[in-house]
Structure formats: structure tokens, C-alpha cells
Amino acid sequence: MTSADRGRLITCRIHKGISKVVQRHTAIEDVNYIISGTGKAICGGTVSDLTAGGYFTFQKDSDYSIINTGDEDLVFLSYIREA
């Protein structure tokens, strides 16, 4: 990744029984790859199951939330870039 990409890659962890509250990104988009755990992503009213090896995306100006529904931490890589 170069600075010209205007993006960054981060590791995210949502602990068992925790959810990430509804957020809205107004200037970024992100692509997320599930490393381990299970959960649900809710984006614009659409619910998607999250499992290891899967991915999900959030577009600029979308409301979203992530919920850990499993018995272990939900761990994922998130590539975030300015839209």
C-alpha cells in the first residue's frame, strides 16, 4: 500500500457479546475480511452473516452496525480508504 492509495489496513476485534453501535462514514468506504469468529453486519437495513473467510463492505454515507454473535472474538481486517 502506498500513500497514493489514501487508505489504511487495520485489524479489528469485537469481543464476545459486544456490538459496534450504528455508525455512518461520510468520507470513507471500507472492505472487511473476516479472520475468525461469527457475527452479523447490518447496513442500510440489510443483514449479512459474517463467518471466517468471508467479507463485507460499507459504502460512503451508509449507516451500519456489526454484532458479534459467536462464542469467541470476531476478528477482521478492515481496509479503509477515502471515497
PDB file of N, CA and C in Angstrom:
ATOM      1  N   MET A   1       0.849  -1.170   0.000  1.00  0.00           N
ATOM      2  CA  MET A   1       0.000   0.000   0.000  1.00  0.00           C
ATOM      3  C   MET A   1       0.895   1.234   0.000  1.00  0.00           C
ATOM      4  N   THR A   2       0.542   2.213  -0.771  1.00  0.00           N
ATOM      5  CA  THR A   2       1.304   3.454  -0.826  1.00  0.00           C
ATOM      6  C   THR A   2       0.445   4.595  -0.315  1.00  0.00           C
ATOM      7  N   SER A   3       1.072   5.699  -0.026  1.00  0.00           N
ATOM      8  CA  SER A   3       0.315   6.865   0.442  1.00  0.00           C
ATOM      9  C   SER A   3      -0.608   7.380  -0.652  1.00  0.00           C
ATOM     10  N   ALA A   4      -0.299   7.064  -1.900  1.00  0.00           N
ATOM     11  CA  ALA A   4      -1.171   7.496  -3.000  1.00  0.00           C
ATOM     12  C   ALA A   4      -2.528   6.808  -2.931  1.00  0.00           C
ATOM     13  N   ASP A   5      -2.580   5.629  -2.273  1.00  0.00           N
ATOM     14  CA  ASP A   5      -3.840   4.915  -2.125  1.00  0.00           C
ATOM     15  C   ASP A   5      -4.798   5.634  -1.175  1.00  0.00           C
ATOM     16  N   ARG A   6      -4.256   6.458  -0.309  1.00  0.00           N
ATOM     17  CA  ARG A   6      -5.043   7.186   0.680  1.00  0.00           C
ATOM     18  C   ARG A   6      -5.894   6.252   1.525  1.00  0.00           C
ATOM     19  N   GLY A   7      -5.327   5.086   1.824  1.00  0.00           N
ATOM     20  CA  GLY A   7      -6.047   4.108   2.619  1.00  0.00           C
ATOM     21  C   GLY A   7      -5.167   3.521   3.691  1.00  0.00           C
ATOM     22  N   ARG A   8      -5.794   2.703   4.547  1.00  0.00           N
ATOM     23  CA  ARG A   8      -5.025   2.038   5.591  1.00  0.00           C
ATOM     24  C   ARG A   8      -5.678   0.702   5.913  1.00  0.00           C
ATOM     25  N   LEU A   9      -4.874  -0.227   6.377  1.00  0.00           N
ATOM     26  CA  LEU A   9      -5.326  -1.551   6.745  1.00  0.00           C
ATOM     27  C   LEU A   9      -5.185  -1.694   8.253  1.00  0.00           C
ATOM     28  N   ILE A  10      -6.283  -2.054   8.910  1.00  0.00           N
ATOM     29  CA  ILE A  10      -6.241  -2.198  10.366  1.00  0.00           C
ATOM     30  C   ILE A  10      -6.877  -3.528  10.767  1.00  0.00           C
ATOM     31  N   THR A  11      -6.435  -4.064  11.885  1.00  0.00           N
ATOM     32  CA  THR A  11      -7.040  -5.260  12.464  1.00  0.00           C
ATOM     33  C   THR A  11      -8.067  -4.815  13.493  1.00  0.00           C
ATOM     34  N   CYS A  12      -9.264  -5.384  13.404  1.00  0.00           N
ATOM     35  CA  CYS A  12     -10.353  -5.030  14.317  1.00  0.00           C
ATOM     36  C   CYS A  12     -10.773  -6.258  15.112  1.00  0.00           C
ATOM     37  N   ARG A  13     -11.192  -6.033  16.342  1.00  0.00           N
ATOM     38  CA  ARG A  13     -11.632  -7.127  17.216  1.00  0.00           C
ATOM     39  C   ARG A  13     -12.863  -6.651  17.981  1.00  0.00           C
ATOM     40  N   ILE A  14     -13.939  -7.433  17.871  1.00  0.00           N
ATOM     41  CA  ILE A  14     -15.152  -7.173  18.652  1.00  0.00           C
ATOM     42  C   ILE A  14     -15.324  -8.358  19.584  1.00  0.00           C
ATOM     43  N   HIS A  15     -15.289  -8.100  20.868  1.00  0.00           N
ATOM     44  CA  HIS A  15     -15.320  -9.167  21.868  1.00  0.00           C
ATOM     45  C   HIS A  15     -16.684  -9.854  21.914  1.00  0.00           C
ATOM     46  N   LYS A  16     -16.670 -11.063  22.415  1.00  0.00           N
ATOM     47  CA  LYS A  16     -17.879 -11.874  22.575  1.00  0.00           C
ATOM     48  C   LYS A  16     -18.982 -11.069  23.262  1.00  0.00           C
ATOM     49  N   GLY A  17     -20.187 -11.114  22.692  1.00  0.00           N
ATOM     50  CA  GLY A  17     -21.335 -10.450  23.298  1.00  0.00           C
ATOM     51  C   GLY A  17     -21.401  -8.952  23.071  1.00  0.00           C
ATOM     52  N   ILE A  18     -20.517  -8.406  22.252  1.00  0.00           N
ATOM     53  CA  ILE A  18     -20.457  -6.961  22.032  1.00  0.00           C
ATOM     54  C   ILE A  18     -20.893  -6.625  20.610  1.00  0.00           C
ATOM     55  N   SER A  19     -21.466  -5.448  20.445  1.00  0.00           N
ATOM     56  CA  SER A  19     -21.773  -4.963  19.105  1.00  0.00           C
ATOM     57  C   SER A  19     -21.166  -3.581  18.927  1.00  0.00           C
ATOM     58  N   LYS A  20     -20.877  -3.263  17.697  1.00  0.00           N
ATOM     59  CA  LYS A  20     -20.380  -1.938  17.334  1.00  0.00           C
ATOM     60  C   LYS A  20     -21.617  -1.121  16.996  1.00  0.00           C
ATOM     61  N   VAL A  21     -21.802  -0.012  17.680  1.00  0.00           N
ATOM     62  CA  VAL A  21     -23.017   0.790  17.515  1.00  0.00           C
ATOM     63  C   VAL A  21     -23.148   1.312  16.090  1.00  0.00           C
ATOM     64  N   VAL A  22     -24.353   1.708  15.752  1.00  0.00           N
ATOM     65  CA  VAL A  22     -24.610   2.240  14.414  1.00  0.00           C
ATOM     66  C   VAL A  22     -23.725   3.448  14.166  1.00  0.00           C
ATOM     67  N   GLN A  23     -23.044   3.397  13.041  1.00  0.00           N
ATOM     68  CA  GLN A  23     -22.160   4.492  12.640  1.00  0.00           C
ATOM     69  C   GLN A  23     -22.470   4.879  11.213  1.00  0.00           C
ATOM     70  N   ARG A  24     -21.965   6.032  10.815  1.00  0.00           N
ATOM     71  CA  ARG A  24     -22.059   6.470   9.426  1.00  0.00           C
ATOM     72  C   ARG A  24     -20.720   7.077   9.053  1.00  0.00           C
ATOM     73  N   HIS A  25     -20.121   6.532   8.004  1.00  0.00           N
ATOM     74  CA  HIS A  25     -18.900   7.117   7.457  1.00  0.00           C
ATOM     75  C   HIS A  25     -19.298   8.099   6.363  1.00  0.00           C
ATOM     76  N   THR A  26     -18.878   9.331   6.493  1.00  0.00           N
ATOM     77  CA  THR A  26     -19.249  10.326   5.489  1.00  0.00           C
ATOM     78  C   THR A  26     -18.158  10.575   4.464  1.00  0.00           C
ATOM     79  N   ALA A  27     -16.954  10.085   4.728  1.00  0.00           N
ATOM     80  CA  ALA A  27     -15.854  10.371   3.801  1.00  0.00           C
ATOM     81  C   ALA A  27     -15.030   9.143   3.444  1.00  0.00           C
ATOM     82  N   ILE A  28     -15.435   7.953   3.938  1.00  0.00           N
ATOM     83  CA  ILE A  28     -14.631   6.758   3.659  1.00  0.00           C
ATOM     84  C   ILE A  28     -15.525   5.590   3.265  1.00  0.00           C
ATOM     85  N   GLU A  29     -14.920   4.614   2.614  1.00  0.00           N
ATOM     86  CA  GLU A  29     -15.516   3.318   2.328  1.00  0.00           C
ATOM     87  C   GLU A  29     -14.605   2.279   2.945  1.00  0.00           C
ATOM     88  N   ASP A  30     -15.148   1.111   3.300  1.00  0.00           N
ATOM     89  CA  ASP A  30     -14.253   0.073   3.787  1.00  0.00           C
ATOM     90  C   ASP A  30     -14.661  -1.310   3.314  1.00  0.00           C
ATOM     91  N   VAL A  31     -13.650  -2.151   3.168  1.00  0.00           N
ATOM     92  CA  VAL A  31     -13.793  -3.554   2.811  1.00  0.00           C
ATOM     93  C   VAL A  31     -13.209  -4.342   3.969  1.00  0.00           C
ATOM     94  N   ASN A  32     -13.933  -5.352   4.427  1.00  0.00           N
ATOM     95  CA  ASN A  32     -13.561  -6.079   5.628  1.00  0.00           C
ATOM     96  C   ASN A  32     -13.510  -7.571   5.359  1.00  0.00           C
ATOM     97  N   TYR A  33     -12.426  -8.238   5.813  1.00  0.00           N
ATOM     98  CA  TYR A  33     -12.230  -9.673   5.646  1.00  0.00           C
ATOM     99  C   TYR A  33     -12.252 -10.333   7.016  1.00  0.00           C
ATOM    100  N   ILE A  34     -13.130 -11.318   7.199  1.00  0.00           N
ATOM    101  CA  ILE A  34     -13.271 -11.986   8.492  1.00  0.00           C
ATOM    102  C   ILE A  34     -12.156 -13.015   8.682  1.00  0.00           C
ATOM    103  N   ILE A  35     -11.394 -12.856   9.763  1.00  0.00           N
ATOM    104  CA  ILE A  35     -10.320 -13.793  10.107  1.00  0.00           C
ATOM    105  C   ILE A  35     -10.870 -14.927  10.969  1.00  0.00           C
ATOM    106  N   SER A  36     -11.635 -14.578  11.998  1.00  0.00           N
ATOM    107  CA  SER A  36     -12.203 -15.599  12.882  1.00  0.00           C
ATOM    108  C   SER A  36     -13.441 -15.055  13.583  1.00  0.00           C
ATOM    109  N   GLY A  37     -14.264 -15.998  14.065  1.00  0.00           N
ATOM    110  CA  GLY A  37     -15.478 -15.627  14.767  1.00  0.00           C
ATOM    111  C   GLY A  37     -16.683 -15.594  13.836  1.00  0.00           C
ATOM    112  N   THR A  38     -17.829 -15.271  14.429  1.00  0.00           N
ATOM    113  CA  THR A  38     -19.067 -15.145  13.671  1.00  0.00           C
ATOM    114  C   THR A  38     -19.807 -13.900  14.134  1.00  0.00           C
ATOM    115  N   GLY A  39     -20.618 -13.375  13.251  1.00  0.00           N
ATOM    116  CA  GLY A  39     -21.384 -12.191  13.606  1.00  0.00           C
ATOM    117  C   GLY A  39     -22.362 -11.821  12.517  1.00  0.00           C
ATOM    118  N   LYS A  40     -22.874 -10.607  12.624  1.00  0.00           N
ATOM    119  CA  LYS A  40     -23.795 -10.052  11.643  1.00  0.00           C
ATOM    120  C   LYS A  40     -23.383  -8.618  11.352  1.00  0.00           C
ATOM    121  N   ALA A  41     -23.509  -8.247  10.094  1.00  0.00           N
ATOM    122  CA  ALA A  41     -23.325  -6.856   9.683  1.00  0.00           C
ATOM    123  C   ALA A  41     -24.683  -6.358   9.221  1.00  0.00           C
ATOM    124  N   ILE A  42     -25.063  -5.193   9.679  1.00  0.00           N
ATOM    125  CA  ILE A  42     -26.321  -4.578   9.275  1.00  0.00           C
ATOM    126  C   ILE A  42     -25.975  -3.273   8.584  1.00  0.00           C
ATOM    127  N   CYS A  43     -26.364  -3.174   7.334  1.00  0.00           N
ATOM    128  CA  CYS A  43     -26.037  -1.980   6.552  1.00  0.00           C
ATOM    129  C   CYS A  43     -27.254  -1.585   5.717  1.00  0.00           C
ATOM    130  N   GLY A  44     -27.768  -0.395   5.979  1.00  0.00           N
ATOM    131  CA  GLY A  44     -28.928   0.077   5.233  1.00  0.00           C
ATOM    132  C   GLY A  44     -30.129  -0.840   5.361  1.00  0.00           C
ATOM    133  N   GLY A  45     -30.277  -1.509   6.510  1.00  0.00           N
ATOM    134  CA  GLY A  45     -31.401  -2.404   6.736  1.00  0.00           C
ATOM    135  C   GLY A  45     -31.181  -3.829   6.253  1.00  0.00           C
ATOM    136  N   THR A  46     -30.073  -4.099   5.566  1.00  0.00           N
ATOM    137  CA  THR A  46     -29.752  -5.445   5.091  1.00  0.00           C
ATOM    138  C   THR A  46     -28.853  -6.135   6.102  1.00  0.00           C
ATOM    139  N   VAL A  47     -29.220  -7.351   6.504  1.00  0.00           N
ATOM    140  CA  VAL A  47     -28.446  -8.121   7.476  1.00  0.00           C
ATOM    141  C   VAL A  47     -27.642  -9.189   6.736  1.00  0.00           C
ATOM    142  N   SER A  48     -26.336  -9.247   7.012  1.00  0.00           N
ATOM    143  CA  SER A  48     -25.454 -10.245   6.404  1.00  0.00           C
ATOM    144  C   SER A  48     -24.758 -11.034   7.501  1.00  0.00           C
ATOM    145  N   ASP A  49     -24.700 -12.365   7.328  1.00  0.00           N
ATOM    146  CA  ASP A  49     -23.969 -13.216   8.265  1.00  0.00           C
ATOM    147  C   ASP A  49     -22.475 -13.087   7.999  1.00  0.00           C
ATOM    148  N   LEU A  50     -21.693 -13.062   9.069  1.00  0.00           N
ATOM    149  CA  LEU A  50     -20.240 -12.959   8.971  1.00  0.00           C
ATOM    150  C   LEU A  50     -19.610 -14.242   9.499  1.00  0.00           C
ATOM    151  N   THR A  51     -18.740 -14.850   8.698  1.00  0.00           N
ATOM    152  CA  THR A  51     -18.011 -16.048   9.112  1.00  0.00           C
ATOM    153  C   THR A  51     -16.582 -15.964   8.575  1.00  0.00           C
ATOM    154  N   ALA A  52     -15.692 -16.715   9.188  1.00  0.00           N
ATOM    155  CA  ALA A  52     -14.282 -16.716   8.776  1.00  0.00           C
ATOM    156  C   ALA A  52     -14.167 -17.006   7.280  1.00  0.00           C
ATOM    157  N   GLY A  53     -13.332 -16.209   6.609  1.00  0.00           N
ATOM    158  CA  GLY A  53     -13.117 -16.355   5.174  1.00  0.00           C
ATOM    159  C   GLY A  53     -14.043 -15.499   4.332  1.00  0.00           C
ATOM    160  N   GLY A  54     -15.056 -14.921   4.946  1.00  0.00           N
ATOM    161  CA  GLY A  54     -15.996 -14.063   4.215  1.00  0.00           C
ATOM    162  C   GLY A  54     -15.574 -12.605   4.269  1.00  0.00           C
ATOM    163  N   TYR A  55     -16.302 -11.781   3.561  1.00  0.00           N
ATOM    164  CA  TYR A  55     -16.012 -10.345   3.577  1.00  0.00           C
ATOM    165  C   TYR A  55     -17.304  -9.544   3.525  1.00  0.00           C
ATOM    166  N   PHE A  56     -17.217  -8.293   3.894  1.00  0.00           N
ATOM    167  CA  PHE A  56     -18.345  -7.377   3.785  1.00  0.00           C
ATOM    168  C   PHE A  56     -17.805  -5.984   3.512  1.00  0.00           C
ATOM    169  N   THR A  57     -18.641  -5.152   2.925  1.00  0.00           N
ATOM    170  CA  THR A  57     -18.244  -3.783   2.580  1.00  0.00           C
ATOM    171  C   THR A  57     -19.250  -2.791   3.130  1.00  0.00           C
ATOM    172  N   PHE A  58     -18.768  -1.590   3.382  1.00  0.00           N
ATOM    173  CA  PHE A  58     -19.627  -0.468   3.745  1.00  0.00           C
ATOM    174  C   PHE A  58     -19.291   0.688   2.822  1.00  0.00           C
ATOM    175  N   GLN A  59     -20.294   1.226   2.190  1.00  0.00           N
ATOM    176  CA  GLN A  59     -20.106   2.330   1.269  1.00  0.00           C
ATOM    177  C   GLN A  59     -20.205   3.666   2.003  1.00  0.00           C
ATOM    178  N   LYS A  60     -19.653   4.674   1.406  1.00  0.00           N
ATOM    179  CA  LYS A  60     -19.736   6.033   1.939  1.00  0.00           C
ATOM    180  C   LYS A  60     -21.204   6.405   2.165  1.00  0.00           C
ATOM    181  N   ASP A  61     -21.459   7.087   3.275  1.00  0.00           N
ATOM    182  CA  ASP A  61     -22.784   7.582   3.660  1.00  0.00           C
ATOM    183  C   ASP A  61     -23.802   6.495   3.986  1.00  0.00           C
ATOM    184  N   SER A  62     -23.339   5.291   4.340  1.00  0.00           N
ATOM    185  CA  SER A  62     -24.271   4.242   4.748  1.00  0.00           C
ATOM    186  C   SER A  62     -24.222   4.080   6.266  1.00  0.00           C
ATOM    187  N   ASP A  63     -25.382   3.812   6.866  1.00  0.00           N
ATOM    188  CA  ASP A  63     -25.452   3.500   8.290  1.00  0.00           C
ATOM    189  C   ASP A  63     -25.160   2.022   8.459  1.00  0.00           C
ATOM    190  N   TYR A  64     -24.348   1.671   9.439  1.00  0.00           N
ATOM    191  CA  TYR A  64     -24.022   0.258   9.625  1.00  0.00           C
ATOM    192  C   TYR A  64     -23.737  -0.060  11.087  1.00  0.00           C
ATOM    193  N   SER A  65     -23.830  -1.347  11.385  1.00  0.00           N
ATOM    194  CA  SER A  65     -23.517  -1.868  12.707  1.00  0.00           C
ATOM    195  C   SER A  65     -22.959  -3.276  12.538  1.00  0.00           C
ATOM    196  N   ILE A  66     -22.091  -3.696  13.451  1.00  0.00           N
ATOM    197  CA  ILE A  66     -21.527  -5.045  13.443  1.00  0.00           C
ATOM    198  C   ILE A  66     -21.804  -5.675  14.806  1.00  0.00           C
ATOM    199  N   ILE A  67     -22.299  -6.901  14.800  1.00  0.00           N
ATOM    200  CA  ILE A  67     -22.654  -7.603  16.034  1.00  0.00           C
ATOM    201  C   ILE A  67     -21.887  -8.922  16.104  1.00  0.00           C
ATOM    202  N   ASN A  68     -21.212  -9.170  17.213  1.00  0.00           N
ATOM    203  CA  ASN A  68     -20.562 -10.453  17.442  1.00  0.00           C
ATOM    204  C   ASN A  68     -21.624 -11.395  18.005  1.00  0.00           C
ATOM    205  N   THR A  69     -21.967 -12.443  17.256  1.00  0.00           N
ATOM    206  CA  THR A  69     -22.989 -13.393  17.687  1.00  0.00           C
ATOM    207  C   THR A  69     -22.394 -14.715  18.164  1.00  0.00           C
ATOM    208  N   GLY A  70     -21.076 -14.824  18.152  1.00  0.00           N
ATOM    209  CA  GLY A  70     -20.422 -16.085  18.478  1.00  0.00           C
ATOM    210  C   GLY A  70     -19.930 -16.183  19.907  1.00  0.00           C
ATOM    211  N   ASP A  71     -19.198 -17.271  20.156  1.00  0.00           N
ATOM    212  CA  ASP A  71     -18.638 -17.561  21.482  1.00  0.00           C
ATOM    213  C   ASP A  71     -17.180 -17.154  21.605  1.00  0.00           C
ATOM    214  N   GLU A  72     -16.649 -16.485  20.591  1.00  0.00           N
ATOM    215  CA  GLU A  72     -15.263 -16.005  20.616  1.00  0.00           C
ATOM    216  C   GLU A  72     -15.235 -14.610  19.996  1.00  0.00           C
ATOM    217  N   ASP A  73     -14.091 -13.963  20.066  1.00  0.00           N
ATOM    218  CA  ASP A  73     -13.965 -12.636  19.464  1.00  0.00           C
ATOM    219  C   ASP A  73     -14.188 -12.713  17.956  1.00  0.00           C
ATOM    220  N   LEU A  74     -14.803 -11.686  17.406  1.00  0.00           N
ATOM    221  CA  LEU A  74     -14.942 -11.522  15.961  1.00  0.00           C
ATOM    222  C   LEU A  74     -13.757 -10.672  15.512  1.00  0.00           C
ATOM    223  N   VAL A  75     -12.876 -11.255  14.692  1.00  0.00           N
ATOM    224  CA  VAL A  75     -11.650 -10.581  14.285  1.00  0.00           C
ATOM    225  C   VAL A  75     -11.670 -10.412  12.773  1.00  0.00           C
ATOM    226  N   PHE A  76     -11.389  -9.190  12.314  1.00  0.00           N
ATOM    227  CA  PHE A  76     -11.386  -8.941  10.873  1.00  0.00           C
ATOM    228  C   PHE A  76     -10.376  -7.869  10.506  1.00  0.00           C
ATOM    229  N   LEU A  77      -9.924  -7.938   9.254  1.00  0.00           N
ATOM    230  CA  LEU A  77      -9.077  -6.892   8.690  1.00  0.00           C
ATOM    231  C   LEU A  77      -9.976  -5.903   7.967  1.00  0.00           C
ATOM    232  N   SER A  78      -9.705  -4.648   8.141  1.00  0.00           N
ATOM    233  CA  SER A  78     -10.508  -3.596   7.512  1.00  0.00           C
ATOM    234  C   SER A  78      -9.596  -2.687   6.686  1.00  0.00           C
ATOM    235  N   TYR A  79      -9.868  -2.637   5.381  1.00  0.00           N
ATOM    236  CA  TYR A  79      -9.160  -1.702   4.516  1.00  0.00           C
ATOM    237  C   TYR A  79     -10.064  -0.500   4.339  1.00  0.00           C
ATOM    238  N   ILE A  80      -9.610   0.641   4.821  1.00  0.00           N
ATOM    239  CA  ILE A  80     -10.395   1.876   4.807  1.00  0.00           C
ATOM    240  C   ILE A  80      -9.733   2.874   3.881  1.00  0.00           C
ATOM    241  N   ARG A  81     -10.542   3.444   2.985  1.00  0.00           N
ATOM    242  CA  ARG A  81      -9.982   4.461   2.087  1.00  0.00           C
ATOM    243  C   ARG A  81     -10.949   5.617   1.959  1.00  0.00           C
ATOM    244  N   GLU A  82     -10.378   6.769   1.697  1.00  0.00           N
ATOM    245  CA  GLU A  82     -11.200   7.948   1.486  1.00  0.00           C
ATOM    246  C   GLU A  82     -11.956   7.783   0.176  1.00  0.00           C
ATOM    247  N   ALA A  83     -13.226   8.125   0.201  1.00  0.00           N
ATOM    248  CA  ALA A  83     -14.063   7.972  -1.006  1.00  0.00           C
ATOM    249  C   ALA A  83     -14.076   9.262  -1.817  1.00  0.00           C
TER     250      ALA A  83
END
